[in-house]
Amino acid sequence: MKTALKLAYRNLVGAGLRTWLNVIVLSFSFVVIIWLKGIMMGWDYQAKSDMTDWQIGGGQYWHEQYDSFDPFTLSESHAVIPEQFNKEIALGDMVPMLMVQGTLYPQGRMQSVTIKGIDPHQNLFLLPTHRLDTVVDGIPAIIGLATAQDMQLEKGDLVTLRWRDANGTFDATDIVVVDIFSSNVPAAEASQVYIPLQTLWEMSDMEGEATLLTFRDEDEERAEVQGWVLKPKEVLTASVDKILKTKTAGQSVFYIILLLLAMLAIFDTQVLSIFRRQKEIGTYIALGYTRREVVGLFTVECAMHSILAVLVGALYGIPFLAWQAKAGWTIPMDAGDFGIAMAQTIYPVFSIGLIISTVLIVVVVTTVVSYWPSRKIAKMNPTEALRGRIQ
């Protein structure tokens, strides 16, 4: 085996430019595949992290009537907070949120919004709810940047808010925008108005009630509660998983094209090598090499392209991928337009498992492609091979 490796290495070096062209193509495939997969892993990590910080925490309890895709369910999706959660709420490890359908009237226009009552002193979310303690001439409210842009609102603006209470009676008051926050989670911003929970209880005649109960610890075992539906974190982030699965499937086509181009070069090189080196093959057999050993020699020789490609790819790939992990990849459009949790700049994540799996896949595929044309050697007649003829 040691002799085969030495011969394979000498033959590769002796092939000159042809070897390095194949190595460069393979190394490019290595780096691009790892980079694209790193982008997907980075998006997955950032999206779930942002959703945890801004929207879902470690998981939630939903009122059984609540449907996040149907705002008309808000009139029925509220109930008294179960007593068993009082201690957790007092410690700040659970945040109740009451949601009521409302209407804003910015500059005389009418815009439907969801009014969310939340504890100003909570620290589970990154929402600047501490600003809800501001004393203003009206009800203090915070809104997302997306809502502010859509409704042309600015910090300090006074705007009329209308809602319907638990008895179905319409009422209205003025709110003051005390802060505008920006996040990477459109669902936490779009058409959302946050006001103090106690204030919303008084406005809606729903004292002590909530629509959502968000808890901090995702690993704690949770019991089912009558009237409430437990939504673990993996359920709440399932939409991100589905999108990533779809995107990964689409990227797989690109991976296959890259690999096919690289493997075509390897295949052609191997076929040409066998055709041009018939006398060498005959000499090996005449010297006592078995046909299997000669096939193995040529397979190893061609498969070594992938090993050299790993080394060459590391020379320019490691600095490039390290720079990408630090600087990130900025999407050339507003990520919020997609309506999903996506940062404007995605920072790729390159795990050891990702790198090793990519290297193994390319090495295995290269070896298989190298062996395919090498099988013809086993059918050669040593005498004809020495004459430079192939049967």
Protein backbone atom coordinates (compact mmCIF):
# COMPACT_ATOMS: atom_id res chain seq x y z
CA MET A 1 0.00 0.00 0.00
CA LYS A 2 2.86 2.34 0.84
CA THR A 3 4.46 1.67 -2.55
CA ALA A 4 1.11 2.30 -4.29
CA LEU A 5 0.76 5.65 -2.55
CA LYS A 6 4.30 6.68 -3.53
CA LEU A 7 3.72 5.71 -7.17
CA ALA A 8 0.34 7.46 -7.19
CA TYR A 9 1.87 10.64 -5.80
CA ARG A 10 4.74 10.62 -8.35
CA ASN A 11 2.32 10.07 -11.21
CA LEU A 12 0.11 12.95 -10.02
CA VAL A 13 3.06 15.32 -9.77
CA GLY A 14 4.31 14.15 -13.15
CA ALA A 15 0.94 14.92 -14.76
CA GLY A 16 1.63 18.60 -14.09
CA LEU A 17 -1.04 21.11 -15.14
CA ARG A 18 -3.73 18.46 -15.69
CA THR A 19 -3.48 17.42 -12.03
CA TRP A 20 -3.65 20.97 -10.70
CA LEU A 21 -6.63 21.89 -12.86
CA ASN A 22 -8.56 18.95 -11.39
CA VAL A 23 -7.42 19.82 -7.88
CA ILE A 24 -8.50 23.46 -8.25
CA VAL A 25 -11.95 22.47 -9.55
CA LEU A 26 -12.41 20.01 -6.68
CA SER A 27 -11.19 22.50 -4.07
CA PHE A 28 -13.65 25.09 -5.40
CA SER A 29 -16.46 22.54 -4.95
CA PHE A 30 -15.30 21.90 -1.37
CA VAL A 31 -15.26 25.56 -0.40
CA VAL A 32 -18.52 26.56 -2.11
CA ILE A 33 -20.50 23.63 -0.68
CA ILE A 34 -19.20 24.27 2.85
CA TRP A 35 -19.91 28.01 2.50
CA LEU A 36 -23.49 27.50 1.29
CA LYS A 37 -24.23 24.93 3.98
CA GLY A 38 -22.71 27.29 6.55
CA ILE A 39 -25.08 30.04 5.38
CA MET A 40 -28.05 27.70 5.92
CA MET A 41 -26.82 26.68 9.37
CA GLY A 42 -26.18 30.31 10.28
CA TRP A 43 -29.67 31.33 9.17
CA ASP A 44 -31.19 28.46 11.18
CA TYR A 45 -29.27 29.46 14.32
CA GLN A 46 -29.98 33.19 13.97
CA ALA A 47 -33.66 32.78 13.12
CA LYS A 48 -34.36 30.53 16.09
CA SER A 49 -32.26 32.70 18.40
CA ASP A 50 -34.08 35.87 17.30
CA MET A 51 -37.49 34.21 17.65
CA THR A 52 -36.52 33.09 21.16
CA ASP A 53 -35.40 36.59 22.17
CA TRP A 54 -38.28 38.54 20.61
CA GLN A 55 -41.32 36.28 20.31
CA ILE A 56 -41.45 32.74 21.73
CA GLY A 57 -39.01 32.45 24.64
CA GLY A 58 -38.52 28.82 25.65
CA GLY A 59 -42.06 27.90 24.58
CA GLN A 60 -45.63 29.01 25.16
CA TYR A 61 -49.07 28.07 26.34
CA TRP A 62 -51.76 29.22 23.90
CA HIS A 63 -55.39 29.66 24.78
CA GLU A 64 -57.28 26.82 23.12
CA GLN A 65 -59.25 29.24 20.91
CA TYR A 66 -56.21 31.18 19.70
CA ASP A 67 -55.11 30.85 16.07
CA SER A 68 -52.07 32.88 15.08
CA PHE A 69 -53.28 32.98 11.46
CA ASP A 70 -56.81 34.16 12.28
CA PRO A 71 -57.10 37.54 14.04
CA PHE A 72 -60.85 37.05 14.44
CA THR A 73 -60.16 34.41 17.12
CA LEU A 74 -58.75 37.08 19.44
CA SER A 75 -62.21 38.03 20.72
CA GLU A 76 -62.60 34.55 22.21
CA SER A 77 -59.01 33.55 22.93
CA HIS A 78 -58.52 34.76 26.49
CA ALA A 79 -58.95 33.21 29.92
CA VAL A 80 -57.92 33.72 33.53
CA ILE A 81 -54.27 32.84 34.11
CA PRO A 82 -54.05 29.42 35.86
CA GLU A 83 -53.04 29.72 39.51
CA GLN A 84 -50.24 27.17 39.13
CA PHE A 85 -48.29 29.71 37.04
CA ASN A 86 -48.50 32.57 39.58
CA LYS A 87 -45.19 31.71 41.25
CA GLU A 88 -43.37 31.41 37.92
CA ILE A 89 -44.81 34.74 36.78
CA ALA A 90 -43.77 36.41 40.03
CA LEU A 91 -40.19 35.18 39.52
CA GLY A 92 -40.15 36.59 35.98
CA ASP A 93 -39.76 33.17 34.37
CA MET A 94 -43.15 33.37 32.67
CA VAL A 95 -44.68 36.36 30.90
CA PRO A 96 -48.45 36.54 30.32
CA MET A 97 -49.65 38.46 27.28
CA LEU A 98 -53.20 39.55 26.49
CA MET A 99 -54.04 40.18 22.85
CA VAL A 100 -56.97 42.30 21.65
CA GLN A 101 -57.89 43.33 18.13
CA GLY A 102 -57.77 47.09 17.63
CA THR A 103 -57.62 49.91 15.11
CA LEU A 104 -55.17 52.79 14.86
CA TYR A 105 -55.97 56.11 13.17
CA PRO A 106 -52.63 57.64 12.10
CA GLN A 107 -53.07 60.89 10.13
CA GLY A 108 -56.79 60.14 9.75
CA ARG A 109 -56.18 56.73 8.17
CA MET A 110 -57.52 53.48 9.60
CA GLN A 111 -55.10 50.59 10.26
CA SER A 112 -55.91 47.27 11.92
CA VAL A 113 -53.49 46.28 14.67
CA THR A 114 -53.12 43.73 17.43
CA ILE A 115 -52.96 45.29 20.88
CA LYS A 116 -50.64 43.32 23.15
CA GLY A 117 -50.64 43.84 26.87
CA ILE A 118 -47.32 42.95 28.48
CA ASP A 119 -45.64 43.47 31.84
CA PRO A 120 -43.32 46.53 31.58
CA HIS A 121 -40.86 44.89 34.00
CA GLN A 122 -40.42 41.62 32.09
CA ASN A 123 -36.92 40.58 31.00
CA LEU A 124 -37.72 37.43 29.04
CA PHE A 125 -37.99 39.29 25.72
CA LEU A 126 -35.66 41.94 24.30
CA LEU A 127 -38.64 44.22 23.79
CA PRO A 128 -37.96 47.65 25.39
CA THR A 129 -41.02 47.26 27.65
CA HIS A 130 -39.36 49.32 30.40
CA ARG A 131 -40.31 52.33 28.30
CA LEU A 132 -43.97 51.55 29.05
CA ASP A 133 -43.41 53.04 32.51
CA THR A 134 -42.95 56.47 30.90
CA VAL A 135 -45.40 59.11 32.10
CA VAL A 136 -47.05 60.73 29.08
CA ASP A 137 -50.29 62.46 28.17
CA GLY A 138 -51.98 59.25 27.06
CA ILE A 139 -51.26 55.54 27.19
CA PRO A 140 -47.55 54.73 26.60
CA ALA A 141 -46.99 52.29 23.75
CA ILE A 142 -44.07 50.78 21.87
CA ILE A 143 -44.19 49.64 18.25
CA GLY A 144 -41.84 47.92 15.83
CA LEU A 145 -39.93 49.66 13.07
CA ALA A 146 -42.03 47.90 10.41
CA THR A 147 -45.24 49.26 11.93
CA ALA A 148 -43.74 52.74 12.29
CA GLN A 149 -42.72 52.80 8.63
CA ASP A 150 -46.03 51.44 7.36
CA MET A 151 -48.06 53.95 9.38
CA GLN A 152 -45.56 56.81 9.11
CA LEU A 153 -45.27 57.13 12.88
CA GLU A 154 -42.35 58.50 14.86
CA LYS A 155 -41.31 58.43 18.46
CA GLY A 156 -43.46 60.84 20.50
CA ASP A 157 -46.44 60.75 18.11
CA LEU A 158 -49.94 60.83 19.57
CA VAL A 159 -52.42 58.58 17.79
CA THR A 160 -55.95 57.39 18.43
CA LEU A 161 -56.52 53.72 19.26
CA ARG A 162 -59.91 51.97 19.17
CA TRP A 163 -60.77 48.55 20.58
CA ARG A 164 -63.68 46.39 21.68
CA ASP A 165 -63.92 45.22 25.31
CA ALA A 166 -65.09 41.87 26.68
CA ASN A 167 -68.73 42.99 26.47
CA GLY A 168 -68.46 43.93 22.80
CA THR A 169 -68.50 47.68 23.47
CA PHE A 170 -66.24 49.89 21.34
CA ASP A 171 -64.04 52.43 23.07
CA ALA A 172 -61.14 54.67 22.06
CA THR A 173 -58.28 56.59 23.61
CA ASP A 174 -55.00 58.21 22.66
CA ILE A 175 -51.67 56.40 22.86
CA VAL A 176 -48.19 57.92 22.75
CA VAL A 177 -45.39 56.13 20.91
CA VAL A 178 -42.68 56.16 23.58
CA ASP A 179 -40.25 53.91 21.70
CA ILE A 180 -39.71 52.23 18.34
CA PHE A 181 -37.72 48.98 18.31
CA SER A 182 -36.17 47.02 15.49
CA SER A 183 -35.89 43.23 15.36
CA ASN A 184 -35.33 40.47 12.82
CA VAL A 185 -38.72 38.90 13.58
CA PRO A 186 -41.52 40.42 11.45
CA ALA A 187 -44.20 38.69 13.56
CA ALA A 188 -43.06 40.68 16.59
CA GLU A 189 -43.31 43.99 14.70
CA ALA A 190 -45.90 43.99 11.93
CA SER A 191 -49.13 45.70 13.04
CA GLN A 192 -48.32 45.15 16.72
CA VAL A 193 -48.88 47.72 19.48
CA TYR A 194 -47.52 46.94 22.95
CA ILE A 195 -49.03 48.63 26.02
CA PRO A 196 -48.86 47.83 29.78
CA LEU A 197 -50.76 44.66 30.66
CA GLN A 198 -52.55 46.24 33.61
CA THR A 199 -53.76 49.05 31.38
CA LEU A 200 -55.13 46.63 28.79
CA TRP A 201 -56.88 44.65 31.53
CA GLU A 202 -58.70 47.81 32.58
CA MET A 203 -59.46 48.85 28.98
CA SER A 204 -60.89 45.47 27.97
CA ASP A 205 -62.57 44.39 31.24
CA MET A 206 -60.44 41.20 31.19
CA GLU A 207 -58.76 41.50 34.57
CA GLY A 208 -56.25 38.72 35.22
CA GLU A 209 -56.69 37.15 31.78
CA ALA A 210 -54.18 36.31 29.05
CA THR A 211 -53.98 34.89 25.54
CA LEU A 212 -50.39 33.62 25.64
CA LEU A 213 -48.15 32.48 28.46
CA THR A 214 -44.48 32.46 27.48
CA PHE A 215 -42.02 30.58 29.69
CA ARG A 216 -38.24 30.88 29.85
CA ASP A 217 -36.96 27.32 30.45
CA GLU A 218 -37.41 25.20 27.33
CA ASP A 219 -35.95 22.08 29.00
CA GLU A 220 -38.37 21.94 31.92
CA GLU A 221 -41.01 19.25 31.63
CA ARG A 222 -44.40 20.89 31.20
CA ALA A 223 -47.83 19.48 32.03
CA GLU A 224 -50.95 19.94 29.95
CA VAL A 225 -53.32 22.57 31.36
CA GLN A 226 -57.04 22.49 30.71
CA GLY A 227 -58.10 25.26 28.35
CA TRP A 228 -54.51 25.87 27.21
CA VAL A 229 -52.41 24.26 24.47
CA LEU A 230 -48.72 23.63 25.17
CA LYS A 231 -46.49 24.81 22.30
CA PRO A 232 -42.87 23.64 22.78
CA LYS A 233 -40.10 25.60 21.15
CA GLU A 234 -39.60 23.05 18.36
CA VAL A 235 -43.26 23.44 17.39
CA LEU A 236 -43.06 27.23 17.33
CA THR A 237 -39.92 27.15 15.15
CA ALA A 238 -41.26 24.45 12.81
CA SER A 239 -41.93 27.06 10.10
CA VAL A 240 -38.22 27.93 10.00
CA ASP A 241 -37.31 24.24 9.76
CA LYS A 242 -39.69 23.77 6.82
CA ILE A 243 -38.29 26.78 4.97
CA LEU A 244 -34.72 25.62 5.55
CA LYS A 245 -35.62 22.12 4.37
CA THR A 246 -37.03 23.56 1.16
CA LYS A 247 -34.02 25.82 0.63
CA THR A 248 -31.61 22.97 1.32
CA ALA A 249 -33.36 20.81 -1.27
CA GLY A 250 -32.98 23.61 -3.81
CA GLN A 251 -29.32 24.04 -2.96
CA SER A 252 -28.76 20.31 -3.41
CA VAL A 253 -29.27 20.80 -7.15
CA PHE A 254 -26.41 23.30 -7.12
CA TYR A 255 -24.24 20.89 -5.09
CA ILE A 256 -24.91 18.12 -7.62
CA ILE A 257 -23.98 20.39 -10.54
CA LEU A 258 -20.70 21.34 -8.85
CA LEU A 259 -19.89 17.72 -8.09
CA LEU A 260 -20.81 16.59 -11.61
CA LEU A 261 -18.46 19.16 -13.14
CA ALA A 262 -15.64 18.07 -10.84
CA MET A 263 -16.34 14.35 -11.31
CA LEU A 264 -16.52 14.74 -15.10
CA ALA A 265 -13.01 16.18 -15.06
CA ILE A 266 -11.81 13.31 -12.85
CA PHE A 267 -13.49 10.70 -15.08
CA ASP A 268 -12.02 12.14 -18.27
CA THR A 269 -8.60 12.33 -16.67
CA GLN A 270 -8.77 8.69 -15.61
CA VAL A 271 -9.94 7.47 -19.04
CA LEU A 272 -7.20 9.46 -20.77
CA SER A 273 -4.60 8.22 -18.28
CA ILE A 274 -5.50 4.56 -18.89
CA PHE A 275 -5.44 5.06 -22.68
CA ARG A 276 -2.05 6.78 -22.69
CA ARG A 277 -0.36 4.50 -20.13
CA GLN A 278 -1.12 1.08 -21.59
CA LYS A 279 2.54 0.09 -21.77
CA GLU A 280 3.00 1.14 -18.14
CA ILE A 281 0.01 -0.98 -17.13
CA GLY A 282 1.42 -3.96 -19.06
CA THR A 283 4.78 -3.46 -17.37
CA TYR A 284 3.17 -3.52 -13.91
CA ILE A 285 1.40 -6.77 -14.72
CA ALA A 286 4.56 -8.27 -16.22
CA LEU A 287 6.47 -7.40 -13.05
CA GLY A 288 4.03 -9.46 -10.99
CA TYR A 289 1.33 -6.97 -10.03
CA THR A 290 -2.11 -8.53 -9.99
CA ARG A 291 -4.82 -6.85 -12.03
CA ARG A 292 -6.57 -5.90 -8.78
CA GLU A 293 -3.41 -4.17 -7.52
CA VAL A 294 -3.04 -2.21 -10.77
CA VAL A 295 -6.72 -1.18 -10.62
CA GLY A 296 -6.16 -0.13 -7.01
CA LEU A 297 -3.08 1.87 -7.98
CA PHE A 298 -4.94 3.89 -10.60
CA THR A 299 -7.96 4.33 -8.33
CA VAL A 300 -5.78 5.61 -5.47
CA GLU A 301 -3.89 7.86 -7.88
CA CYS A 302 -7.05 9.53 -9.12
CA ALA A 303 -8.68 9.60 -5.68
CA MET A 304 -5.65 11.49 -4.36
CA HIS A 305 -6.95 14.48 -6.32
CA SER A 306 -9.52 14.94 -3.55
CA ILE A 307 -6.84 14.83 -0.83
CA LEU A 308 -4.78 17.47 -2.64
CA ALA A 309 -7.99 19.45 -3.19
CA VAL A 310 -8.60 19.49 0.57
CA LEU A 311 -5.09 20.88 1.15
CA VAL A 312 -5.38 23.46 -1.63
CA GLY A 313 -8.91 24.41 -0.56
CA ALA A 314 -7.68 24.92 2.99
CA LEU A 315 -5.11 27.47 1.78
CA TYR A 316 -7.71 29.92 0.51
CA GLY A 317 -10.87 28.43 2.05
CA ILE A 318 -9.94 28.84 5.72
CA PRO A 319 -9.21 32.61 5.43
CA PHE A 320 -12.32 33.13 3.29
CA LEU A 321 -14.67 31.17 5.57
CA ALA A 322 -13.16 32.77 8.69
CA TRP A 323 -13.76 36.21 7.19
CA GLN A 324 -17.33 35.28 6.27
CA ALA A 325 -18.04 33.97 9.78
CA LYS A 326 -16.88 37.32 11.17
CA ALA A 327 -18.20 39.77 8.57
CA GLY A 328 -21.31 37.79 7.56
CA TRP A 329 -23.19 37.75 4.29
CA THR A 330 -25.44 40.76 3.78
CA ILE A 331 -28.63 40.09 1.85
CA PRO A 332 -28.95 42.63 -1.01
CA MET A 333 -32.58 43.44 -0.11
CA ASP A 334 -34.72 44.12 2.96
CA ALA A 335 -34.96 40.75 4.73
CA GLY A 336 -38.16 41.88 6.46
CA ASP A 337 -39.97 41.75 3.10
CA PHE A 338 -39.84 37.95 3.25
CA GLY A 339 -42.13 37.92 6.29
CA ILE A 340 -39.94 35.39 8.11
CA ALA A 341 -37.31 35.64 10.83
CA MET A 342 -34.19 36.59 8.89
CA ALA A 343 -31.42 39.00 9.76
CA GLN A 344 -30.22 41.46 7.13
CA THR A 345 -26.73 40.02 7.63
CA ILE A 346 -26.40 36.26 8.07
CA TYR A 347 -23.34 34.95 9.86
CA PRO A 348 -22.42 31.46 8.58
CA VAL A 349 -21.81 28.68 11.08
CA PHE A 350 -19.15 26.15 10.09
CA SER A 351 -19.21 23.14 12.38
CA ILE A 352 -16.62 20.37 12.45
CA GLY A 353 -19.35 17.91 11.47
CA LEU A 354 -20.23 19.99 8.40
CA ILE A 355 -16.61 20.14 7.20
CA ILE A 356 -15.90 16.46 7.82
CA SER A 357 -19.13 15.26 6.17
CA THR A 358 -18.51 17.43 3.09
CA VAL A 359 -14.92 16.19 2.76
CA LEU A 360 -15.99 12.55 3.14
CA ILE A 361 -18.76 12.87 0.55
CA VAL A 362 -16.46 14.40 -2.07
CA VAL A 363 -13.64 11.90 -1.34
CA VAL A 364 -15.99 8.91 -1.60
CA VAL A 365 -17.61 10.17 -4.80
CA THR A 366 -14.18 10.89 -6.32
CA THR A 367 -12.97 7.37 -5.43
CA VAL A 368 -16.05 5.76 -6.99
CA VAL A 369 -15.69 7.80 -10.17
CA SER A 370 -11.99 6.92 -10.29
CA TYR A 371 -12.68 3.19 -9.92
CA TRP A 372 -15.31 3.04 -12.66
CA PRO A 373 -13.00 3.49 -15.70
CA SER A 374 -10.16 1.67 -13.89
CA ARG A 375 -12.11 -1.59 -14.10
CA LYS A 376 -11.12 -1.82 -17.78
CA ILE A 377 -7.56 -2.60 -16.67
CA ALA A 378 -8.74 -5.95 -15.32
CA LYS A 379 -9.73 -7.00 -18.85
CA MET A 380 -6.39 -6.10 -20.45
CA ASN A 381 -4.10 -8.68 -22.00
CA PRO A 382 -0.58 -8.01 -20.63
CA THR A 383 1.07 -8.79 -23.99
CA GLU A 384 -1.18 -6.43 -25.93
CA ALA A 385 -0.82 -3.81 -23.21
CA LEU A 386 2.96 -3.91 -23.54
CA ARG A 387 2.57 -3.30 -27.26
CA GLY A 388 0.41 -0.26 -26.52
CA ARG A 389 -2.79 -1.87 -27.71
CA ILE A 390 -6.04 -2.09 -25.76
CA GLN A 391 -8.65 -4.74 -26.25
